Amino acid sequence: MISDLISMNGYGAYVWSAFAFTLISFSSLYFIIKLQLKKEQKRFEENFSALTEEKYNVAISQEIYKEILKNSSAKI
């Protein structure tokens, strides 16, 4: 029974290799995007914390920065 599932009437090598390729591709894509997001968040926080007081007050009054900072460790 399990050998039938693995062999799939002779198509098992193609099916399982395609499944493995897809799983590896999606996993690597997920981790690459996750690393890039962390890098960009760190870069944003560094740039945001380096603002002068006047620019900081203007930035936190803007709606887009409120959304970004809501999920970040930078202080509002």
PDB file of N, CA and C in Angstrom:
ATOM      1  N   MET A   1       0.821  -1.196   0.000  1.00  0.00           N
ATOM      2  CA  MET A   1       0.000   0.000   0.000  1.00  0.00           C
ATOM      3  C   MET A   1       0.867   1.263   0.000  1.00  0.00           C
ATOM      4  N   ILE A   2       1.839   1.322   0.889  1.00  0.00           N
ATOM      5  CA  ILE A   2       2.702   2.505   0.925  1.00  0.00           C
ATOM      6  C   ILE A   2       3.576   2.559  -0.310  1.00  0.00           C
ATOM      7  N   SER A   3       4.013   1.398  -0.788  1.00  0.00           N
ATOM      8  CA  SER A   3       4.836   1.400  -2.001  1.00  0.00           C
ATOM      9  C   SER A   3       4.024   1.885  -3.212  1.00  0.00           C
ATOM     10  N   ASP A   4       2.713   1.587  -3.226  1.00  0.00           N
ATOM     11  CA  ASP A   4       1.848   2.108  -4.293  1.00  0.00           C
ATOM     12  C   ASP A   4       1.751   3.637  -4.220  1.00  0.00           C
ATOM     13  N   LEU A   5       1.664   4.149  -3.010  1.00  0.00           N
ATOM     14  CA  LEU A   5       1.596   5.597  -2.822  1.00  0.00           C
ATOM     15  C   LEU A   5       2.896   6.261  -3.277  1.00  0.00           C
ATOM     16  N   ILE A   6       4.012   5.642  -2.952  1.00  0.00           N
ATOM     17  CA  ILE A   6       5.301   6.218  -3.326  1.00  0.00           C
ATOM     18  C   ILE A   6       5.551   6.094  -4.827  1.00  0.00           C
ATOM     19  N   SER A   7       5.230   4.955  -5.415  1.00  0.00           N
ATOM     20  CA  SER A   7       5.521   4.765  -6.841  1.00  0.00           C
ATOM     21  C   SER A   7       4.500   5.438  -7.757  1.00  0.00           C
ATOM     22  N   MET A   8       3.250   5.538  -7.331  1.00  0.00           N
ATOM     23  CA  MET A   8       2.176   6.176  -8.096  1.00  0.00           C
ATOM     24  C   MET A   8       2.149   5.711  -9.550  1.00  0.00           C
ATOM     25  N   ASN A   9       2.126   4.403  -9.739  1.00  0.00           N
ATOM     26  CA  ASN A   9       2.070   3.776 -11.066  1.00  0.00           C
ATOM     27  C   ASN A   9       3.194   4.246 -11.999  1.00  0.00           C
ATOM     28  N   GLY A  10       4.374   4.438 -11.441  1.00  0.00           N
ATOM     29  CA  GLY A  10       5.520   4.827 -12.249  1.00  0.00           C
ATOM     30  C   GLY A  10       5.758   6.326 -12.325  1.00  0.00           C
ATOM     31  N   TYR A  11       4.821   7.114 -11.826  1.00  0.00           N
ATOM     32  CA  TYR A  11       4.962   8.574 -11.868  1.00  0.00           C
ATOM     33  C   TYR A  11       5.471   9.161 -10.554  1.00  0.00           C
ATOM     34  N   GLY A  12       5.748   8.320  -9.600  1.00  0.00           N
ATOM     35  CA  GLY A  12       6.150   8.782  -8.266  1.00  0.00           C
ATOM     36  C   GLY A  12       7.403   9.628  -8.271  1.00  0.00           C
ATOM     37  N   ALA A  13       8.381   9.260  -9.074  1.00  0.00           N
ATOM     38  CA  ALA A  13       9.629  10.034  -9.114  1.00  0.00           C
ATOM     39  C   ALA A  13       9.362  11.468  -9.558  1.00  0.00           C
ATOM     40  N   TYR A  14       8.499  11.655 -10.527  1.00  0.00           N
ATOM     41  CA  TYR A  14       8.179  12.994 -11.018  1.00  0.00           C
ATOM     42  C   TYR A  14       7.330  13.775 -10.005  1.00  0.00           C
ATOM     43  N   VAL A  15       6.360  13.102  -9.443  1.00  0.00           N
ATOM     44  CA  VAL A  15       5.452  13.761  -8.502  1.00  0.00           C
ATOM     45  C   VAL A  15       6.195  14.173  -7.238  1.00  0.00           C
ATOM     46  N   TRP A  16       6.958  13.256  -6.657  1.00  0.00           N
ATOM     47  CA  TRP A  16       7.644  13.557  -5.403  1.00  0.00           C
ATOM     48  C   TRP A  16       8.778  14.562  -5.596  1.00  0.00           C
ATOM     49  N   SER A  17       9.459  14.500  -6.744  1.00  0.00           N
ATOM     50  CA  SER A  17      10.509  15.492  -6.982  1.00  0.00           C
ATOM     51  C   SER A  17       9.898  16.886  -7.186  1.00  0.00           C
ATOM     52  N   ALA A  18       8.752  16.964  -7.854  1.00  0.00           N
ATOM     53  CA  ALA A  18       8.074  18.250  -8.024  1.00  0.00           C
ATOM     54  C   ALA A  18       7.572  18.777  -6.676  1.00  0.00           C
ATOM     55  N   PHE A  19       7.054  17.885  -5.856  1.00  0.00           N
ATOM     56  CA  PHE A  19       6.594  18.276  -4.523  1.00  0.00           C
ATOM     57  C   PHE A  19       7.769  18.787  -3.684  1.00  0.00           C
ATOM     58  N   ALA A  20       8.885  18.085  -3.715  1.00  0.00           N
ATOM     59  CA  ALA A  20      10.067  18.491  -2.950  1.00  0.00           C
ATOM     60  C   ALA A  20      10.604  19.831  -3.449  1.00  0.00           C
ATOM     61  N   PHE A  21      10.667  19.991  -4.770  1.00  0.00           N
ATOM     62  CA  PHE A  21      11.142  21.250  -5.346  1.00  0.00           C
ATOM     63  C   PHE A  21      10.251  22.419  -4.912  1.00  0.00           C
ATOM     64  N   THR A  22       8.954  22.228  -4.949  1.00  0.00           N
ATOM     65  CA  THR A  22       8.013  23.275  -4.554  1.00  0.00           C
ATOM     66  C   THR A  22       8.160  23.605  -3.075  1.00  0.00           C
ATOM     67  N   LEU A  23       8.255  22.596  -2.246  1.00  0.00           N
ATOM     68  CA  LEU A  23       8.404  22.811  -0.811  1.00  0.00           C
ATOM     69  C   LEU A  23       9.697  23.551  -0.494  1.00  0.00           C
ATOM     70  N   ILE A  24      10.791  23.160  -1.119  1.00  0.00           N
ATOM     71  CA  ILE A  24      12.077  23.821  -0.894  1.00  0.00           C
ATOM     72  C   ILE A  24      12.039  25.257  -1.415  1.00  0.00           C
ATOM     73  N   SER A  25      11.441  25.463  -2.569  1.00  0.00           N
ATOM     74  CA  SER A  25      11.358  26.816  -3.141  1.00  0.00           C
ATOM     75  C   SER A  25      10.539  27.745  -2.261  1.00  0.00           C
ATOM     76  N   PHE A  26       9.377  27.300  -1.820  1.00  0.00           N
ATOM     77  CA  PHE A  26       8.530  28.134  -0.972  1.00  0.00           C
ATOM     78  C   PHE A  26       9.183  28.407   0.378  1.00  0.00           C
ATOM     79  N   SER A  27       9.833  27.410   0.937  1.00  0.00           N
ATOM     80  CA  SER A  27      10.507  27.591   2.229  1.00  0.00           C
ATOM     81  C   SER A  27      11.639  28.596   2.115  1.00  0.00           C
ATOM     82  N   SER A  28      12.461  28.451   1.090  1.00  0.00           N
ATOM     83  CA  SER A  28      13.573  29.391   0.934  1.00  0.00           C
ATOM     84  C   SER A  28      13.057  30.794   0.644  1.00  0.00           C
ATOM     85  N   LEU A  29      12.016  30.930  -0.148  1.00  0.00           N
ATOM     86  CA  LEU A  29      11.435  32.232  -0.427  1.00  0.00           C
ATOM     87  C   LEU A  29      10.904  32.883   0.847  1.00  0.00           C
ATOM     88  N   TYR A  30      10.252  32.106   1.687  1.00  0.00           N
ATOM     89  CA  TYR A  30       9.732  32.612   2.956  1.00  0.00           C
ATOM     90  C   TYR A  30      10.862  33.144   3.835  1.00  0.00           C
ATOM     91  N   PHE A  31      11.933  32.371   3.972  1.00  0.00           N
ATOM     92  CA  PHE A  31      13.024  32.788   4.846  1.00  0.00           C
ATOM     93  C   PHE A  31      13.808  33.969   4.273  1.00  0.00           C
ATOM     94  N   ILE A  32      13.942  34.052   2.972  1.00  0.00           N
ATOM     95  CA  ILE A  32      14.616  35.197   2.353  1.00  0.00           C
ATOM     96  C   ILE A  32      13.810  36.468   2.587  1.00  0.00           C
ATOM     97  N   ILE A  33      12.511  36.397   2.397  1.00  0.00           N
ATOM     98  CA  ILE A  33      11.651  37.564   2.605  1.00  0.00           C
ATOM     99  C   ILE A  33      11.639  37.963   4.078  1.00  0.00           C
ATOM    100  N   LYS A  34      11.634  36.984   4.962  1.00  0.00           N
ATOM    101  CA  LYS A  34      11.653  37.264   6.391  1.00  0.00           C
ATOM    102  C   LYS A  34      12.945  37.985   6.785  1.00  0.00           C
ATOM    103  N   LEU A  35      14.081  37.543   6.259  1.00  0.00           N
ATOM    104  CA  LEU A  35      15.355  38.199   6.544  1.00  0.00           C
ATOM    105  C   LEU A  35      15.385  39.626   5.988  1.00  0.00           C
ATOM    106  N   GLN A  36      14.861  39.809   4.787  1.00  0.00           N
ATOM    107  CA  GLN A  36      14.826  41.146   4.193  1.00  0.00           C
ATOM    108  C   GLN A  36      13.923  42.081   4.997  1.00  0.00           C
ATOM    109  N   LEU A  37      12.811  41.577   5.476  1.00  0.00           N
ATOM    110  CA  LEU A  37      11.910  42.392   6.288  1.00  0.00           C
ATOM    111  C   LEU A  37      12.599  42.835   7.573  1.00  0.00           C
ATOM    112  N   LYS A  38      13.277  41.918   8.247  1.00  0.00           N
ATOM    113  CA  LYS A  38      13.990  42.264   9.479  1.00  0.00           C
ATOM    114  C   LYS A  38      15.057  43.323   9.207  1.00  0.00           C
ATOM    115  N   LYS A  39      15.763  43.175   8.085  1.00  0.00           N
ATOM    116  CA  LYS A  39      16.802  44.138   7.716  1.00  0.00           C
ATOM    117  C   LYS A  39      16.204  45.517   7.470  1.00  0.00           C
ATOM    118  N   GLU A  40      15.089  45.569   6.751  1.00  0.00           N
ATOM    119  CA  GLU A  40      14.444  46.847   6.469  1.00  0.00           C
ATOM    120  C   GLU A  40      13.852  47.471   7.728  1.00  0.00           C
ATOM    121  N   GLN A  41      13.315  46.663   8.629  1.00  0.00           N
ATOM    122  CA  GLN A  41      12.788  47.198   9.879  1.00  0.00           C
ATOM    123  C   GLN A  41      13.903  47.808  10.719  1.00  0.00           C
ATOM    124  N   LYS A  42      15.040  47.123  10.764  1.00  0.00           N
ATOM    125  CA  LYS A  42      16.186  47.634  11.514  1.00  0.00           C
ATOM    126  C   LYS A  42      16.674  48.942  10.907  1.00  0.00           C
ATOM    127  N   ARG A  43      16.753  48.984   9.573  1.00  0.00           N
ATOM    128  CA  ARG A  43      17.197  50.194   8.888  1.00  0.00           C
ATOM    129  C   ARG A  43      16.227  51.354   9.132  1.00  0.00           C
ATOM    130  N   PHE A  44      14.938  51.083   9.110  1.00  0.00           N
ATOM    131  CA  PHE A  44      13.934  52.110   9.374  1.00  0.00           C
ATOM    132  C   PHE A  44      14.074  52.643  10.796  1.00  0.00           C
ATOM    133  N   GLU A  45      14.229  51.744  11.751  1.00  0.00           N
ATOM    134  CA  GLU A  45      14.343  52.179  13.145  1.00  0.00           C
ATOM    135  C   GLU A  45      15.603  53.001  13.367  1.00  0.00           C
ATOM    136  N   GLU A  46      16.703  52.629  12.714  1.00  0.00           N
ATOM    137  CA  GLU A  46      17.932  53.416  12.836  1.00  0.00           C
ATOM    138  C   GLU A  46      17.743  54.813  12.246  1.00  0.00           C
ATOM    139  N   ASN A  47      17.125  54.891  11.074  1.00  0.00           N
ATOM    140  CA  ASN A  47      16.895  56.189  10.442  1.00  0.00           C
ATOM    141  C   ASN A  47      15.893  57.027  11.236  1.00  0.00           C
ATOM    142  N   PHE A  48      14.877  56.384  11.767  1.00  0.00           N
ATOM    143  CA  PHE A  48      13.844  57.101  12.511  1.00  0.00           C
ATOM    144  C   PHE A  48      14.404  57.635  13.826  1.00  0.00           C
ATOM    145  N   SER A  49      15.250  56.863  14.473  1.00  0.00           N
ATOM    146  CA  SER A  49      15.802  57.321  15.752  1.00  0.00           C
ATOM    147  C   SER A  49      16.847  58.413  15.567  1.00  0.00           C
ATOM    148  N   ALA A  50      17.387  58.573  14.347  1.00  0.00           N
ATOM    149  CA  ALA A  50      18.407  59.591  14.084  1.00  0.00           C
ATOM    150  C   ALA A  50      17.783  60.941  13.694  1.00  0.00           C
ATOM    151  N   LEU A  51      16.475  61.055  13.687  1.00  0.00           N
ATOM    152  CA  LEU A  51      15.818  62.301  13.297  1.00  0.00           C
ATOM    153  C   LEU A  51      15.976  63.368  14.380  1.00  0.00           C
ATOM    154  N   THR A  52      15.958  64.611  13.955  1.00  0.00           N
ATOM    155  CA  THR A  52      15.946  65.707  14.929  1.00  0.00           C
ATOM    156  C   THR A  52      14.562  65.759  15.572  1.00  0.00           C
ATOM    157  N   GLU A  53      14.463  66.521  16.639  1.00  0.00           N
ATOM    158  CA  GLU A  53      13.198  66.608  17.379  1.00  0.00           C
ATOM    159  C   GLU A  53      12.062  67.138  16.497  1.00  0.00           C
ATOM    160  N   GLU A  54      12.357  68.136  15.687  1.00  0.00           N
ATOM    161  CA  GLU A  54      11.333  68.730  14.820  1.00  0.00           C
ATOM    162  C   GLU A  54      10.861  67.722  13.760  1.00  0.00           C
ATOM    163  N   LYS A  55      11.807  67.058  13.124  1.00  0.00           N
ATOM    164  CA  LYS A  55      11.455  66.071  12.100  1.00  0.00           C
ATOM    165  C   LYS A  55      10.756  64.863  12.727  1.00  0.00           C
ATOM    166  N   TYR A  56      11.151  64.522  13.941  1.00  0.00           N
ATOM    167  CA  TYR A  56      10.515  63.418  14.653  1.00  0.00           C
ATOM    168  C   TYR A  56       9.038  63.721  14.901  1.00  0.00           C
ATOM    169  N   ASN A  57       8.746  64.925  15.357  1.00  0.00           N
ATOM    170  CA  ASN A  57       7.355  65.311  15.629  1.00  0.00           C
ATOM    171  C   ASN A  57       6.524  65.331  14.351  1.00  0.00           C
ATOM    172  N   VAL A  58       7.106  65.788  13.252  1.00  0.00           N
ATOM    173  CA  VAL A  58       6.397  65.786  11.969  1.00  0.00           C
ATOM    174  C   VAL A  58       6.149  64.350  11.523  1.00  0.00           C
ATOM    175  N   ALA A  59       7.153  63.499  11.690  1.00  0.00           N
ATOM    176  CA  ALA A  59       7.036  62.110  11.233  1.00  0.00           C
ATOM    177  C   ALA A  59       5.956  61.350  12.001  1.00  0.00           C
ATOM    178  N   ILE A  60       5.905  61.525  13.318  1.00  0.00           N
ATOM    179  CA  ILE A  60       4.913  60.755  14.077  1.00  0.00           C
ATOM    180  C   ILE A  60       3.500  61.286  13.882  1.00  0.00           C
ATOM    181  N   SER A  61       3.382  62.498  13.351  1.00  0.00           N
ATOM    182  CA  SER A  61       2.039  63.015  13.075  1.00  0.00           C
ATOM    183  C   SER A  61       1.481  62.474  11.757  1.00  0.00           C
ATOM    184  N   GLN A  62       2.321  61.896  10.921  1.00  0.00           N
ATOM    185  CA  GLN A  62       1.864  61.358   9.644  1.00  0.00           C
ATOM    186  C   GLN A  62       1.284  59.960   9.838  1.00  0.00           C
ATOM    187  N   GLU A  63       0.232  59.689   9.143  1.00  0.00           N
ATOM    188  CA  GLU A  63      -0.517  58.440   9.310  1.00  0.00           C
ATOM    189  C   GLU A  63       0.318  57.210   8.947  1.00  0.00           C
ATOM    190  N   ILE A  64       1.106  57.294   7.887  1.00  0.00           N
ATOM    191  CA  ILE A  64       1.874  56.123   7.449  1.00  0.00           C
ATOM    192  C   ILE A  64       2.907  55.720   8.494  1.00  0.00           C
ATOM    193  N   TYR A  65       3.528  56.697   9.143  1.00  0.00           N
ATOM    194  CA  TYR A  65       4.507  56.377  10.167  1.00  0.00           C
ATOM    195  C   TYR A  65       3.840  55.780  11.400  1.00  0.00           C
ATOM    196  N   LYS A  66       2.634  56.220  11.688  1.00  0.00           N
ATOM    197  CA  LYS A  66       1.899  55.625  12.816  1.00  0.00           C
ATOM    198  C   LYS A  66       1.657  54.139  12.564  1.00  0.00           C
ATOM    199  N   GLU A  67       1.311  53.794  11.330  1.00  0.00           N
ATOM    200  CA  GLU A  67       1.073  52.392  10.997  1.00  0.00           C
ATOM    201  C   GLU A  67       2.368  51.578  11.087  1.00  0.00           C
ATOM    202  N   ILE A  68       3.455  52.151  10.596  1.00  0.00           N
ATOM    203  CA  ILE A  68       4.733  51.442  10.627  1.00  0.00           C
ATOM    204  C   ILE A  68       5.214  51.268  12.057  1.00  0.00           C
ATOM    205  N   LEU A  69       5.123  52.331  12.835  1.00  0.00           N
ATOM    206  CA  LEU A  69       5.639  52.305  14.193  1.00  0.00           C
ATOM    207  C   LEU A  69       4.778  51.489  15.150  1.00  0.00           C
ATOM    208  N   LYS A  70       3.556  51.230  14.761  1.00  0.00           N
ATOM    209  CA  LYS A  70       2.665  50.444  15.613  1.00  0.00           C
ATOM    210  C   LYS A  70       3.248  49.046  15.867  1.00  0.00           C
ATOM    211  N   ASN A  71       3.944  48.499  14.865  1.00  0.00           N
ATOM    212  CA  ASN A  71       4.490  47.150  14.962  1.00  0.00           C
ATOM    213  C   ASN A  71       5.998  47.147  15.154  1.00  0.00           C
ATOM    214  N   SER A  72       6.568  48.266  15.546  1.00  0.00           N
ATOM    215  CA  SER A  72       8.017  48.326  15.679  1.00  0.00           C
ATOM    216  C   SER A  72       8.376  48.599  17.127  1.00  0.00           C
ATOM    217  N   SER A  73       9.663  48.480  17.417  1.00  0.00           N
ATOM    218  CA  SER A  73      10.111  48.714  18.785  1.00  0.00           C
ATOM    219  C   SER A  73      10.508  50.172  19.020  1.00  0.00           C
ATOM    220  N   ALA A  74      10.460  51.010  17.977  1.00  0.00           N
ATOM    221  CA  ALA A  74      10.783  52.435  18.137  1.00  0.00           C
ATOM    222  C   ALA A  74       9.701  53.119  18.962  1.00  0.00           C
ATOM    223  N   LYS A  75      10.072  54.105  19.729  1.00  0.00           N
ATOM    224  CA  LYS A  75       9.117  54.824  20.597  1.00  0.00           C
ATOM    225  C   LYS A  75       8.322  55.849  19.808  1.00  0.00           C
ATOM    226  N   ILE A  76       7.034  55.929  20.114  1.00  0.00           N
ATOM    227  CA  ILE A  76       6.166  56.955  19.504  1.00  0.00           C
ATOM    228  C   ILE A  76       6.038  58.104  20.462  1.00  0.00           C
TER     229      ILE A  76
END
